[in-house]
Structure formats: C-alpha cells, structure tokens
Amino acid sequence: MFDIGFGELALIFFIGLVVLGPERFSCIIRKTSEFMSAAKDTVNSIKRDLIYELQIKELQKDLNKAEQMEMKNLPPKLKSSVEKLRKIVQDIHQPYSNKVKYKNVNNRES
C-alpha cells in the first residue's frame, strides 16, 4: 500500500517504541489499527453504494431504450420483463420522491 519494506517497517516500529515507550506505543498502534479498519469499511461501503447506483442507472437506460423501441414491437416475454424492471425502479425511487409537508407556524395552509 505504501511500498514500505519489512526492514523499513521494523525500523519505524523500533523508533516509535523507543520514543513513545511500550504503553503509549501500543495504544497508538491500536488506535491506528482502528482508524485503518474504519477507513477500509467506509471505502467498501462507498464502493458498494456506487455499484448499486450504477446498476440502477443501467436499468433506467435499458428501460429508456425499450420505450424508444416502442413497447408494441416487443415480444410478450420481454414486455413482462420491462414492466417488472419499471416497477422495481419505481419502488426504489418512491421513498425519495415523496415530499414532506410542513405545517406553517401561523396555522395557515402552505
């Protein structure tokens, strides 16, 4: 990852152990390990979300192509698949499209 060899890593650990002492050095190593683990989890989560979003975009693109080809010309099996995909995309986007209505402070309708 950082292109550090074993000898360089051992030297860094030795200097850290001498400068910080065994108690503080072990605490710093533990915290560094926790930070690296959290960073790795965050990167994996972002990667998973991006893949999911790209799959949704691909489904939308396929639906748009099917609409351009006119649904009348599609075989019945493909029509049912397109309708299923359309329902899935609508179900995914529905929670984001609902608008929250707020009450006005003066009890007037907005």
C-alpha atoms as a PDB file:
ATOM      1  CA  MET A   1       0.000   0.000   0.000  1.00  0.00           C
ATOM      2  CA  PHE A   2       2.700   2.496   0.991  1.00  0.00           C
ATOM      3  CA  ASP A   3       5.502   0.487  -0.656  1.00  0.00           C
ATOM      4  CA  ILE A   4       7.359   0.050   2.646  1.00  0.00           C
ATOM      5  CA  GLY A   5       9.574  -2.993   3.081  1.00  0.00           C
ATOM      6  CA  PHE A   6       9.839  -5.130   6.200  1.00  0.00           C
ATOM      7  CA  GLY A   7      13.155  -3.560   7.250  1.00  0.00           C
ATOM      8  CA  GLU A   8      11.770  -0.031   6.996  1.00  0.00           C
ATOM      9  CA  LEU A   9       8.651  -1.036   8.909  1.00  0.00           C
ATOM     10  CA  ALA A  10      10.722  -2.678  11.662  1.00  0.00           C
ATOM     11  CA  LEU A  11      12.861   0.479  11.945  1.00  0.00           C
ATOM     12  CA  ILE A  12       9.744   2.665  12.287  1.00  0.00           C
ATOM     13  CA  PHE A  13       8.356   0.361  14.997  1.00  0.00           C
ATOM     14  CA  PHE A  14      11.664   0.327  16.867  1.00  0.00           C
ATOM     15  CA  ILE A  15      11.997   4.135  16.799  1.00  0.00           C
ATOM     16  CA  GLY A  16       8.350   4.508  17.876  1.00  0.00           C
ATOM     17  CA  LEU A  17       8.876   2.065  20.724  1.00  0.00           C
ATOM     18  CA  VAL A  18      11.990   3.898  21.942  1.00  0.00           C
ATOM     19  CA  VAL A  19      10.491   7.396  21.630  1.00  0.00           C
ATOM     20  CA  LEU A  20       6.978   6.700  22.946  1.00  0.00           C
ATOM     21  CA  GLY A  21       7.567   3.845  25.339  1.00  0.00           C
ATOM     22  CA  PRO A  22       5.770   0.498  25.380  1.00  0.00           C
ATOM     23  CA  GLU A  23       2.490   1.714  26.938  1.00  0.00           C
ATOM     24  CA  ARG A  24       1.883   4.713  24.681  1.00  0.00           C
ATOM     25  CA  PHE A  25       3.217   2.909  21.612  1.00  0.00           C
ATOM     26  CA  SER A  26       0.758   0.016  21.996  1.00  0.00           C
ATOM     27  CA  CYS A  27      -2.097   2.500  22.462  1.00  0.00           C
ATOM     28  CA  ILE A  28      -1.097   4.384  19.304  1.00  0.00           C
ATOM     29  CA  ILE A  29      -0.798   1.139  17.323  1.00  0.00           C
ATOM     30  CA  ARG A  30      -4.280   0.092  18.495  1.00  0.00           C
ATOM     31  CA  LYS A  31      -5.827   3.456  17.561  1.00  0.00           C
ATOM     32  CA  THR A  32      -4.078   3.452  14.193  1.00  0.00           C
ATOM     33  CA  SER A  33      -5.386  -0.037  13.524  1.00  0.00           C
ATOM     34  CA  GLU A  34      -8.936   1.023  14.460  1.00  0.00           C
ATOM     35  CA  PHE A  35      -8.680   4.067  12.192  1.00  0.00           C
ATOM     36  CA  MET A  36      -7.422   1.997   9.251  1.00  0.00           C
ATOM     37  CA  SER A  37     -10.223  -0.524   9.791  1.00  0.00           C
ATOM     38  CA  ALA A  38     -12.853   2.228   9.871  1.00  0.00           C
ATOM     39  CA  ALA A  39     -11.379   3.828   6.743  1.00  0.00           C
ATOM     40  CA  LYS A  40     -11.426   0.474   4.939  1.00  0.00           C
ATOM     41  CA  ASP A  41     -15.066  -0.116   5.955  1.00  0.00           C
ATOM     42  CA  THR A  42     -16.015   3.354   4.716  1.00  0.00           C
ATOM     43  CA  VAL A  43     -14.323   2.804   1.360  1.00  0.00           C
ATOM     44  CA  ASN A  44     -16.044  -0.576   0.967  1.00  0.00           C
ATOM     45  CA  SER A  45     -19.414   0.980   1.815  1.00  0.00           C
ATOM     46  CA  ILE A  46     -18.924   3.747  -0.739  1.00  0.00           C
ATOM     47  CA  LYS A  47     -17.854   1.212  -3.342  1.00  0.00           C
ATOM     48  CA  ARG A  48     -20.961  -0.906  -2.642  1.00  0.00           C
ATOM     49  CA  ASP A  49     -23.233   2.151  -2.920  1.00  0.00           C
ATOM     50  CA  LEU A  50     -21.658   3.223  -6.213  1.00  0.00           C
ATOM     51  CA  ILE A  51     -22.083  -0.238  -7.711  1.00  0.00           C
ATOM     52  CA  TYR A  52     -25.727  -0.249  -6.615  1.00  0.00           C
ATOM     53  CA  GLU A  53     -26.342   3.189  -8.136  1.00  0.00           C
ATOM     54  CA  LEU A  54     -24.645   2.185 -11.395  1.00  0.00           C
ATOM     55  CA  GLN A  55     -26.880  -0.880 -11.628  1.00  0.00           C
ATOM     56  CA  ILE A  56     -29.943   1.335 -11.177  1.00  0.00           C
ATOM     57  CA  LYS A  57     -28.694   3.700 -13.897  1.00  0.00           C
ATOM     58  CA  GLU A  58     -28.159   0.729 -16.214  1.00  0.00           C
ATOM     59  CA  LEU A  59     -31.721  -0.472 -15.584  1.00  0.00           C
ATOM     60  CA  GLN A  60     -33.055   3.001 -16.339  1.00  0.00           C
ATOM     61  CA  LYS A  61     -31.057   3.149 -19.559  1.00  0.00           C
ATOM     62  CA  ASP A  62     -32.442  -0.228 -20.634  1.00  0.00           C
ATOM     63  CA  LEU A  63     -35.975   0.936 -19.862  1.00  0.00           C
ATOM     64  CA  ASN A  64     -35.479   4.085 -21.915  1.00  0.00           C
ATOM     65  CA  LYS A  65     -34.221   2.012 -24.846  1.00  0.00           C
ATOM     66  CA  ALA A  66     -37.273  -0.221 -24.604  1.00  0.00           C
ATOM     67  CA  GLU A  67     -39.552   2.818 -24.593  1.00  0.00           C
ATOM     68  CA  GLN A  68     -37.797   4.189 -27.653  1.00  0.00           C
ATOM     69  CA  MET A  69     -38.287   0.886 -29.460  1.00  0.00           C
ATOM     70  CA  GLU A  70     -41.978   1.209 -28.664  1.00  0.00           C
ATOM     71  CA  MET A  71     -43.429  -1.372 -26.362  1.00  0.00           C
ATOM     72  CA  LYS A  72     -45.797  -2.600 -29.087  1.00  0.00           C
ATOM     73  CA  ASN A  73     -42.974  -4.183 -31.055  1.00  0.00           C
ATOM     74  CA  LEU A  74     -41.596  -6.170 -28.127  1.00  0.00           C
ATOM     75  CA  PRO A  75     -42.344  -9.858 -27.623  1.00  0.00           C
ATOM     76  CA  PRO A  76     -44.684 -10.604 -24.680  1.00  0.00           C
ATOM     77  CA  LYS A  77     -41.921 -12.163 -22.572  1.00  0.00           C
ATOM     78  CA  LEU A  78     -39.726  -9.087 -22.968  1.00  0.00           C
ATOM     79  CA  LYS A  79     -42.691  -6.802 -22.247  1.00  0.00           C
ATOM     80  CA  SER A  80     -43.281  -8.516 -18.909  1.00  0.00           C
ATOM     81  CA  SER A  81     -39.577  -8.197 -18.048  1.00  0.00           C
ATOM     82  CA  VAL A  82     -39.630  -4.492 -18.881  1.00  0.00           C
ATOM     83  CA  GLU A  83     -42.722  -3.968 -16.733  1.00  0.00           C
ATOM     84  CA  LYS A  84     -41.055  -5.775 -13.819  1.00  0.00           C
ATOM     85  CA  LEU A  85     -37.958  -3.600 -14.186  1.00  0.00           C
ATOM     86  CA  ARG A  86     -40.085  -0.462 -14.361  1.00  0.00           C
ATOM     87  CA  LYS A  87     -41.857  -1.447 -11.129  1.00  0.00           C
ATOM     88  CA  ILE A  88     -38.526  -2.136  -9.394  1.00  0.00           C
ATOM     89  CA  VAL A  89     -37.143   1.258 -10.413  1.00  0.00           C
ATOM     90  CA  GLN A  90     -40.323   3.000  -9.257  1.00  0.00           C
ATOM     91  CA  ASP A  91     -40.174   1.182  -5.909  1.00  0.00           C
ATOM     92  CA  ILE A  92     -36.564   2.257  -5.448  1.00  0.00           C
ATOM     93  CA  HIS A  93     -37.206   5.913  -6.291  1.00  0.00           C
ATOM     94  CA  GLN A  94     -40.545   6.221  -4.476  1.00  0.00           C
ATOM     95  CA  PRO A  95     -39.113   6.936  -0.979  1.00  0.00           C
ATOM     96  CA  TYR A  96     -37.001   9.736  -2.428  1.00  0.00           C
ATOM     97  CA  SER A  97     -39.807  11.334  -4.416  1.00  0.00           C
ATOM     98  CA  ASN A  98     -42.279  11.714  -1.535  1.00  0.00           C
ATOM     99  CA  LYS A  99     -42.319  15.285  -0.338  1.00  0.00           C
ATOM    100  CA  VAL A 100     -42.715  16.096   3.317  1.00  0.00           C
ATOM    101  CA  LYS A 101     -45.432  18.634   4.059  1.00  0.00           C
ATOM    102  CA  TYR A 102     -44.652  21.104   6.781  1.00  0.00           C
ATOM    103  CA  LYS A 103     -47.213  22.983   8.818  1.00  0.00           C
ATOM    104  CA  ASN A 104     -46.964  26.727   8.744  1.00  0.00           C
ATOM    105  CA  VAL A 105     -46.176  28.317  12.101  1.00  0.00           C
ATOM    106  CA  ASN A 106     -49.149  30.676  11.740  1.00  0.00           C
ATOM    107  CA  ASN A 107     -51.540  27.718  11.152  1.00  0.00           C
ATOM    108  CA  ARG A 108     -52.097  28.748   7.548  1.00  0.00           C
ATOM    109  CA  GLU A 109     -52.133  26.197   4.781  1.00  0.00           C
ATOM    110  CA  SER A 110     -48.949  26.090   2.734  1.00  0.00           C
END
